[in-house]
């Protein structure tokens, strides 16, 4: 059974089903994007961005591009690239969310990241944003690998910390305690203040990025009536 589930054809079918399910969630939930003004102004000016969010909130990122486009039409003229793992799980996620107008870059901030870095920098130079989960694909939970800060430092792109939550959700027992949205809820995507990373300041920026992502998640949770997590 395990071999059947891991077969590429089975994975492709399952990814399609998950993608269709996320379409259902997006269409039956009330979504709101808050705090995105500064980031949208950068997009309108043709400036690149590194959009960061914790791995546990990945299933709630699909509405981001549409919501941004409703507030700033220029957001629909760029193609976000999502950095996902070269592992089977990363490709599964990529196949599931591709229908939402994003493209995949395969690598990770830990493994294969060096191979993907040149492509990410080219993407940012062309004005398209990069979406990255700094603690993915294997954790530790809410601990950012250096790649997100290094990418921002090398490219000059600001980091946008994003938190996402849904009032209707289930928590998985995975390493990241993934929040999986259910239909007919209220969803919020909360953007924190932009973080500028000097070319020689990647190491110093990393704890700032972690704190900003935690704060963005807390803001999204509060807006959805989800109890605050205990301080780590």
C-alpha atoms as a PDB file:
ATOM      1  CA  UNK A   1       0.000   0.000   0.000  1.00  0.00           C
ATOM      2  CA  UNK A   2       2.784   2.420   0.897  1.00  0.00           C
ATOM      3  CA  UNK A   3       4.493   1.754  -2.425  1.00  0.00           C
ATOM      4  CA  UNK A   4       1.215   2.440  -4.250  1.00  0.00           C
ATOM      5  CA  UNK A   5       0.688   5.730  -2.399  1.00  0.00           C
ATOM      6  CA  UNK A   6       4.229   6.856  -3.185  1.00  0.00           C
ATOM      7  CA  UNK A   7       3.951   5.980  -6.874  1.00  0.00           C
ATOM      8  CA  UNK A   8       4.253   9.157  -9.029  1.00  0.00           C
ATOM      9  CA  UNK A   9       0.892   8.533 -10.727  1.00  0.00           C
ATOM     10  CA  UNK A  10      -0.863   8.188  -7.364  1.00  0.00           C
ATOM     11  CA  UNK A  11       0.873  11.292  -6.050  1.00  0.00           C
ATOM     12  CA  UNK A  12      -0.269  13.250  -9.118  1.00  0.00           C
ATOM     13  CA  UNK A  13      -3.903  12.217  -8.585  1.00  0.00           C
ATOM     14  CA  UNK A  14      -3.778  13.034  -4.871  1.00  0.00           C
ATOM     15  CA  UNK A  15      -2.168  16.419  -5.559  1.00  0.00           C
ATOM     16  CA  UNK A  16      -4.945  17.245  -8.020  1.00  0.00           C
ATOM     17  CA  UNK A  17      -7.584  16.301  -5.435  1.00  0.00           C
ATOM     18  CA  UNK A  18      -5.915  18.448  -2.771  1.00  0.00           C
ATOM     19  CA  UNK A  19      -5.754  21.332  -5.241  1.00  0.00           C
ATOM     20  CA  UNK A  20      -9.466  21.002  -6.018  1.00  0.00           C
ATOM     21  CA  UNK A  21     -10.220  20.856  -2.299  1.00  0.00           C
ATOM     22  CA  UNK A  22      -8.283  24.083  -1.719  1.00  0.00           C
ATOM     23  CA  UNK A  23     -10.286  25.712  -4.523  1.00  0.00           C
ATOM     24  CA  UNK A  24     -13.443  24.718  -2.620  1.00  0.00           C
ATOM     25  CA  UNK A  25     -12.035  26.193   0.597  1.00  0.00           C
ATOM     26  CA  UNK A  26     -11.066  29.451  -1.096  1.00  0.00           C
ATOM     27  CA  UNK A  27     -14.479  29.856  -2.736  1.00  0.00           C
ATOM     28  CA  UNK A  28     -16.577  29.009   0.329  1.00  0.00           C
ATOM     29  CA  UNK A  29     -14.606  31.031   2.880  1.00  0.00           C
ATOM     30  CA  UNK A  30     -14.475  34.785   3.518  1.00  0.00           C
ATOM     31  CA  UNK A  31     -10.871  35.888   3.013  1.00  0.00           C
ATOM     32  CA  UNK A  32      -9.259  39.164   3.982  1.00  0.00           C
ATOM     33  CA  UNK A  33      -5.761  40.519   3.331  1.00  0.00           C
ATOM     34  CA  UNK A  34      -4.558  43.033   5.927  1.00  0.00           C
ATOM     35  CA  UNK A  35      -1.425  45.128   6.300  1.00  0.00           C
ATOM     36  CA  UNK A  36      -0.369  44.642   2.682  1.00  0.00           C
ATOM     37  CA  UNK A  37      -0.202  48.322   1.653  1.00  0.00           C
ATOM     38  CA  UNK A  38       3.603  48.753   1.747  1.00  0.00           C
ATOM     39  CA  UNK A  39       4.214  45.455  -0.041  1.00  0.00           C
ATOM     40  CA  UNK A  40       1.670  46.243  -2.764  1.00  0.00           C
ATOM     41  CA  UNK A  41       3.283  49.650  -3.293  1.00  0.00           C
ATOM     42  CA  UNK A  42       6.600  47.893  -3.948  1.00  0.00           C
ATOM     43  CA  UNK A  43       4.941  45.561  -6.450  1.00  0.00           C
ATOM     44  CA  UNK A  44       3.308  48.501  -8.233  1.00  0.00           C
ATOM     45  CA  UNK A  45       6.745  50.129  -8.489  1.00  0.00           C
ATOM     46  CA  UNK A  46       8.188  46.969 -10.026  1.00  0.00           C
ATOM     47  CA  UNK A  47      10.340  46.143  -7.007  1.00  0.00           C
ATOM     48  CA  UNK A  48      10.959  42.526  -5.978  1.00  0.00           C
ATOM     49  CA  UNK A  49       9.868  41.004  -2.675  1.00  0.00           C
ATOM     50  CA  UNK A  50      10.706  37.916  -0.644  1.00  0.00           C
ATOM     51  CA  UNK A  51       7.392  36.782   0.859  1.00  0.00           C
ATOM     52  CA  UNK A  52       7.962  34.567   3.891  1.00  0.00           C
ATOM     53  CA  UNK A  53       5.516  32.428   5.859  1.00  0.00           C
ATOM     54  CA  UNK A  54       5.876  29.520   8.246  1.00  0.00           C
ATOM     55  CA  UNK A  55       5.518  26.046   6.737  1.00  0.00           C
ATOM     56  CA  UNK A  56       2.501  25.275   8.952  1.00  0.00           C
ATOM     57  CA  UNK A  57       0.450  27.969   7.167  1.00  0.00           C
ATOM     58  CA  UNK A  58       1.256  26.791   3.638  1.00  0.00           C
ATOM     59  CA  UNK A  59      -2.271  25.471   2.814  1.00  0.00           C
ATOM     60  CA  UNK A  60      -3.746  28.959   3.339  1.00  0.00           C
ATOM     61  CA  UNK A  61      -1.436  30.840   0.989  1.00  0.00           C
ATOM     62  CA  UNK A  62      -3.364  30.102  -2.288  1.00  0.00           C
ATOM     63  CA  UNK A  63      -5.771  33.094  -1.919  1.00  0.00           C
ATOM     64  CA  UNK A  64      -2.868  35.551  -1.532  1.00  0.00           C
ATOM     65  CA  UNK A  65      -2.386  36.450  -5.205  1.00  0.00           C
ATOM     66  CA  UNK A  66      -6.097  36.989  -5.902  1.00  0.00           C
ATOM     67  CA  UNK A  67      -6.585  39.090  -2.765  1.00  0.00           C
ATOM     68  CA  UNK A  68      -3.519  41.173  -3.594  1.00  0.00           C
ATOM     69  CA  UNK A  69      -4.816  41.687  -7.133  1.00  0.00           C
ATOM     70  CA  UNK A  70      -8.110  43.027  -5.813  1.00  0.00           C
ATOM     71  CA  UNK A  71      -6.216  45.745  -3.947  1.00  0.00           C
ATOM     72  CA  UNK A  72      -3.454  46.373  -6.507  1.00  0.00           C
ATOM     73  CA  UNK A  73      -3.928  45.211 -10.133  1.00  0.00           C
ATOM     74  CA  UNK A  74      -0.152  45.119 -10.632  1.00  0.00           C
ATOM     75  CA  UNK A  75      -0.061  42.076  -8.357  1.00  0.00           C
ATOM     76  CA  UNK A  76      -1.775  40.054 -11.094  1.00  0.00           C
ATOM     77  CA  UNK A  77       0.908  41.016 -13.615  1.00  0.00           C
ATOM     78  CA  UNK A  78       3.688  39.274 -11.711  1.00  0.00           C
ATOM     79  CA  UNK A  79       4.164  35.538 -11.291  1.00  0.00           C
ATOM     80  CA  UNK A  80       5.093  34.468  -7.762  1.00  0.00           C
ATOM     81  CA  UNK A  81       7.623  31.654  -7.537  1.00  0.00           C
ATOM     82  CA  UNK A  82       7.351  29.314  -4.570  1.00  0.00           C
ATOM     83  CA  UNK A  83      10.523  27.679  -3.273  1.00  0.00           C
ATOM     84  CA  UNK A  84       9.644  24.079  -2.410  1.00  0.00           C
ATOM     85  CA  UNK A  85      11.696  21.043  -1.487  1.00  0.00           C
ATOM     86  CA  UNK A  86      13.103  18.696  -4.125  1.00  0.00           C
ATOM     87  CA  UNK A  87      11.739  15.894  -1.948  1.00  0.00           C
ATOM     88  CA  UNK A  88       8.563  14.065  -2.981  1.00  0.00           C
ATOM     89  CA  UNK A  89       6.552  16.124  -0.470  1.00  0.00           C
ATOM     90  CA  UNK A  90       7.708  19.371  -2.056  1.00  0.00           C
ATOM     91  CA  UNK A  91       6.688  18.257  -5.516  1.00  0.00           C
ATOM     92  CA  UNK A  92       3.323  17.154  -4.166  1.00  0.00           C
ATOM     93  CA  UNK A  93       2.747  20.634  -2.714  1.00  0.00           C
ATOM     94  CA  UNK A  94       3.860  22.234  -5.961  1.00  0.00           C
ATOM     95  CA  UNK A  95       1.400  20.207  -8.021  1.00  0.00           C
ATOM     96  CA  UNK A  96      -1.418  21.023  -5.585  1.00  0.00           C
ATOM     97  CA  UNK A  97      -1.000  24.826  -5.583  1.00  0.00           C
ATOM     98  CA  UNK A  98       0.078  25.424  -9.178  1.00  0.00           C
ATOM     99  CA  UNK A  99      -3.528  26.136 -10.187  1.00  0.00           C
ATOM    100  CA  UNK A 100      -3.452  29.325  -8.087  1.00  0.00           C
ATOM    101  CA  UNK A 101      -1.173  31.206 -10.467  1.00  0.00           C
ATOM    102  CA  UNK A 102       2.199  30.424  -8.919  1.00  0.00           C
ATOM    103  CA  UNK A 103       5.237  28.638 -10.314  1.00  0.00           C
ATOM    104  CA  UNK A 104       7.639  26.334  -8.505  1.00  0.00           C
ATOM    105  CA  UNK A 105      11.363  26.602  -7.887  1.00  0.00           C
ATOM    106  CA  UNK A 106      12.677  23.306  -6.538  1.00  0.00           C
ATOM    107  CA  UNK A 107      15.291  23.425  -3.797  1.00  0.00           C
ATOM    108  CA  UNK A 108      15.177  24.457  -0.156  1.00  0.00           C
ATOM    109  CA  UNK A 109      16.859  26.850   2.214  1.00  0.00           C
ATOM    110  CA  UNK A 110      18.750  23.846   3.616  1.00  0.00           C
ATOM    111  CA  UNK A 111      19.128  21.232   0.896  1.00  0.00           C
ATOM    112  CA  UNK A 112      19.581  22.061  -2.756  1.00  0.00           C
ATOM    113  CA  UNK A 113      19.278  25.747  -1.935  1.00  0.00           C
ATOM    114  CA  UNK A 114      22.609  26.622  -3.517  1.00  0.00           C
ATOM    115  CA  UNK A 115      21.413  25.096  -6.792  1.00  0.00           C
ATOM    116  CA  UNK A 116      18.233  27.173  -6.721  1.00  0.00           C
ATOM    117  CA  UNK A 117      19.807  30.456  -5.566  1.00  0.00           C
ATOM    118  CA  UNK A 118      20.831  31.688  -9.015  1.00  0.00           C
ATOM    119  CA  UNK A 119      17.330  31.093 -10.351  1.00  0.00           C
ATOM    120  CA  UNK A 120      15.759  32.858  -7.382  1.00  0.00           C
ATOM    121  CA  UNK A 121      18.001  35.880  -7.857  1.00  0.00           C
ATOM    122  CA  UNK A 122      17.079  36.015 -11.561  1.00  0.00           C
ATOM    123  CA  UNK A 123      13.405  35.869 -10.632  1.00  0.00           C
ATOM    124  CA  UNK A 124      13.753  38.738  -8.183  1.00  0.00           C
ATOM    125  CA  UNK A 125      15.773  40.787 -10.670  1.00  0.00           C
ATOM    126  CA  UNK A 126      12.903  40.391 -13.131  1.00  0.00           C
ATOM    127  CA  UNK A 127      10.453  41.813 -10.582  1.00  0.00           C
ATOM    128  CA  UNK A 128       8.584  38.625  -9.686  1.00  0.00           C
ATOM    129  CA  UNK A 129       8.238  37.843  -5.967  1.00  0.00           C
ATOM    130  CA  UNK A 130       9.588  34.741  -4.264  1.00  0.00           C
ATOM    131  CA  UNK A 131       7.520  32.862  -1.663  1.00  0.00           C
ATOM    132  CA  UNK A 132       9.531  30.880   0.861  1.00  0.00           C
ATOM    133  CA  UNK A 133       8.894  28.874   4.026  1.00  0.00           C
ATOM    134  CA  UNK A 134      12.039  29.530   6.090  1.00  0.00           C
ATOM    135  CA  UNK A 135      11.485  26.545   8.406  1.00  0.00           C
ATOM    136  CA  UNK A 136      10.607  24.052   5.686  1.00  0.00           C
ATOM    137  CA  UNK A 137      10.604  21.336   4.678  1.00  0.00           C
ATOM    138  CA  UNK A 138      11.605  19.494   7.858  1.00  0.00           C
ATOM    139  CA  UNK A 139      11.896  22.056  10.648  1.00  0.00           C
ATOM    140  CA  UNK A 140      12.557  22.699  13.422  1.00  0.00           C
ATOM    141  CA  UNK A 141       9.191  24.396  13.662  1.00  0.00           C
ATOM    142  CA  UNK A 142       9.356  28.193  13.461  1.00  0.00           C
ATOM    143  CA  UNK A 143      13.133  28.271  13.220  1.00  0.00           C
ATOM    144  CA  UNK A 144      14.268  30.058  10.083  1.00  0.00           C
ATOM    145  CA  UNK A 145      17.153  28.695   8.042  1.00  0.00           C
ATOM    146  CA  UNK A 146      19.649  31.342   6.859  1.00  0.00           C
ATOM    147  CA  UNK A 147      18.480  31.180   3.236  1.00  0.00           C
ATOM    148  CA  UNK A 148      15.629  33.680   3.519  1.00  0.00           C
ATOM    149  CA  UNK A 149      17.851  36.421   4.953  1.00  0.00           C
ATOM    150  CA  UNK A 150      20.704  35.623   2.575  1.00  0.00           C
ATOM    151  CA  UNK A 151      18.376  35.832  -0.426  1.00  0.00           C
ATOM    152  CA  UNK A 152      17.065  39.221   0.690  1.00  0.00           C
ATOM    153  CA  UNK A 153      20.585  40.497   1.373  1.00  0.00           C
ATOM    154  CA  UNK A 154      21.956  39.422  -2.009  1.00  0.00           C
ATOM    155  CA  UNK A 155      18.967  40.646  -4.027  1.00  0.00           C
ATOM    156  CA  UNK A 156      18.131  43.838  -2.150  1.00  0.00           C
ATOM    157  CA  UNK A 157      14.502  42.688  -1.967  1.00  0.00           C
ATOM    158  CA  UNK A 158      12.559  43.390   1.212  1.00  0.00           C
ATOM    159  CA  UNK A 159      11.135  40.501   3.225  1.00  0.00           C
ATOM    160  CA  UNK A 160       7.362  40.472   3.727  1.00  0.00           C
ATOM    161  CA  UNK A 161       6.389  38.378   6.779  1.00  0.00           C
ATOM    162  CA  UNK A 162       2.951  36.826   6.243  1.00  0.00           C
ATOM    163  CA  UNK A 163       0.730  34.980   8.687  1.00  0.00           C
ATOM    164  CA  UNK A 164      -2.397  33.109   7.627  1.00  0.00           C
ATOM    165  CA  UNK A 165      -5.249  31.559   9.574  1.00  0.00           C
ATOM    166  CA  UNK A 166      -8.775  30.253   9.148  1.00  0.00           C
ATOM    167  CA  UNK A 167     -11.485  30.092  11.776  1.00  0.00           C
ATOM    168  CA  UNK A 168     -12.450  26.670  10.364  1.00  0.00           C
ATOM    169  CA  UNK A 169      -9.400  24.415  10.441  1.00  0.00           C
ATOM    170  CA  UNK A 170      -7.793  21.248  11.698  1.00  0.00           C
ATOM    171  CA  UNK A 171      -4.308  20.862  13.129  1.00  0.00           C
ATOM    172  CA  UNK A 172      -2.214  17.986  11.848  1.00  0.00           C
ATOM    173  CA  UNK A 173       0.130  16.014  14.068  1.00  0.00           C
ATOM    174  CA  UNK A 174       3.073  16.836  11.803  1.00  0.00           C
ATOM    175  CA  UNK A 175       6.372  18.368  12.917  1.00  0.00           C
ATOM    176  CA  UNK A 176       5.034  21.851  12.132  1.00  0.00           C
ATOM    177  CA  UNK A 177       1.502  21.302  13.515  1.00  0.00           C
ATOM    178  CA  UNK A 178       0.154  22.285  10.104  1.00  0.00           C
ATOM    179  CA  UNK A 179      -3.085  24.273  10.090  1.00  0.00           C
ATOM    180  CA  UNK A 180      -5.326  22.863   7.357  1.00  0.00           C
ATOM    181  CA  UNK A 181      -8.311  25.045   6.398  1.00  0.00           C
ATOM    182  CA  UNK A 182     -11.872  23.746   6.148  1.00  0.00           C
ATOM    183  CA  UNK A 183     -14.707  25.203   4.040  1.00  0.00           C
ATOM    184  CA  UNK A 184     -17.075  27.940   5.236  1.00  0.00           C
ATOM    185  CA  UNK A 185     -14.671  29.711   7.567  1.00  0.00           C
ATOM    186  CA  UNK A 186     -13.195  33.174   7.856  1.00  0.00           C
ATOM    187  CA  UNK A 187      -9.657  33.418   6.533  1.00  0.00           C
ATOM    188  CA  UNK A 188      -7.140  36.166   7.207  1.00  0.00           C
ATOM    189  CA  UNK A 189      -3.736  36.766   5.682  1.00  0.00           C
ATOM    190  CA  UNK A 190      -1.800  39.313   7.741  1.00  0.00           C
ATOM    191  CA  UNK A 191       1.314  41.065   6.423  1.00  0.00           C
ATOM    192  CA  UNK A 192       3.827  42.491   8.860  1.00  0.00           C
ATOM    193  CA  UNK A 193       6.127  45.485   8.276  1.00  0.00           C
ATOM    194  CA  UNK A 194       8.693  45.099   5.513  1.00  0.00           C
ATOM    195  CA  UNK A 195      12.143  43.979   6.634  1.00  0.00           C
ATOM    196  CA  UNK A 196      15.123  45.410   4.761  1.00  0.00           C
ATOM    197  CA  UNK A 197      18.246  43.250   4.965  1.00  0.00           C
ATOM    198  CA  UNK A 198      21.620  44.960   4.344  1.00  0.00           C
ATOM    199  CA  UNK A 199      24.058  43.039   2.173  1.00  0.00           C
ATOM    200  CA  UNK A 200      26.222  42.256   5.197  1.00  0.00           C
ATOM    201  CA  UNK A 201      23.348  41.921   7.663  1.00  0.00           C
ATOM    202  CA  UNK A 202      21.795  38.521   6.930  1.00  0.00           C
ATOM    203  CA  UNK A 203      22.756  36.934  10.249  1.00  0.00           C
ATOM    204  CA  UNK A 204      21.422  39.840  12.288  1.00  0.00           C
ATOM    205  CA  UNK A 205      18.167  39.904  10.304  1.00  0.00           C
ATOM    206  CA  UNK A 206      17.288  36.255  10.914  1.00  0.00           C
ATOM    207  CA  UNK A 207      15.851  36.639  14.463  1.00  0.00           C
ATOM    208  CA  UNK A 208      13.944  39.724  13.278  1.00  0.00           C
ATOM    209  CA  UNK A 209      12.348  37.665  10.510  1.00  0.00           C
ATOM    210  CA  UNK A 210      11.403  34.897  12.951  1.00  0.00           C
ATOM    211  CA  UNK A 211       9.813  37.379  15.364  1.00  0.00           C
ATOM    212  CA  UNK A 212       7.949  39.125  12.541  1.00  0.00           C
ATOM    213  CA  UNK A 213       6.546  35.829  11.250  1.00  0.00           C
ATOM    214  CA  UNK A 214       5.402  34.859  14.740  1.00  0.00           C
ATOM    215  CA  UNK A 215       3.722  38.261  15.116  1.00  0.00           C
ATOM    216  CA  UNK A 216       2.000  37.975  11.725  1.00  0.00           C
ATOM    217  CA  UNK A 217       0.642  34.535  12.627  1.00  0.00           C
ATOM    218  CA  UNK A 218      -0.547  35.843  15.990  1.00  0.00           C
ATOM    219  CA  UNK A 219      -2.356  38.710  14.244  1.00  0.00           C
ATOM    220  CA  UNK A 220      -4.058  36.357  11.786  1.00  0.00           C
ATOM    221  CA  UNK A 221      -5.011  33.969  14.598  1.00  0.00           C
ATOM    222  CA  UNK A 222      -6.483  36.774  16.700  1.00  0.00           C
ATOM    223  CA  UNK A 223      -8.548  38.042  13.760  1.00  0.00           C
ATOM    224  CA  UNK A 224      -9.991  34.536  13.347  1.00  0.00           C
ATOM    225  CA  UNK A 225     -10.695  34.044  17.049  1.00  0.00           C
ATOM    226  CA  UNK A 226      -7.984  31.419  17.491  1.00  0.00           C
ATOM    227  CA  UNK A 227      -6.375  31.338  20.972  1.00  0.00           C
ATOM    228  CA  UNK A 228      -2.820  32.623  21.139  1.00  0.00           C
ATOM    229  CA  UNK A 229      -0.004  30.106  21.209  1.00  0.00           C
ATOM    230  CA  UNK A 230       2.191  29.912  24.275  1.00  0.00           C
ATOM    231  CA  UNK A 231       5.483  31.768  23.988  1.00  0.00           C
ATOM    232  CA  UNK A 232       8.288  29.475  22.856  1.00  0.00           C
END
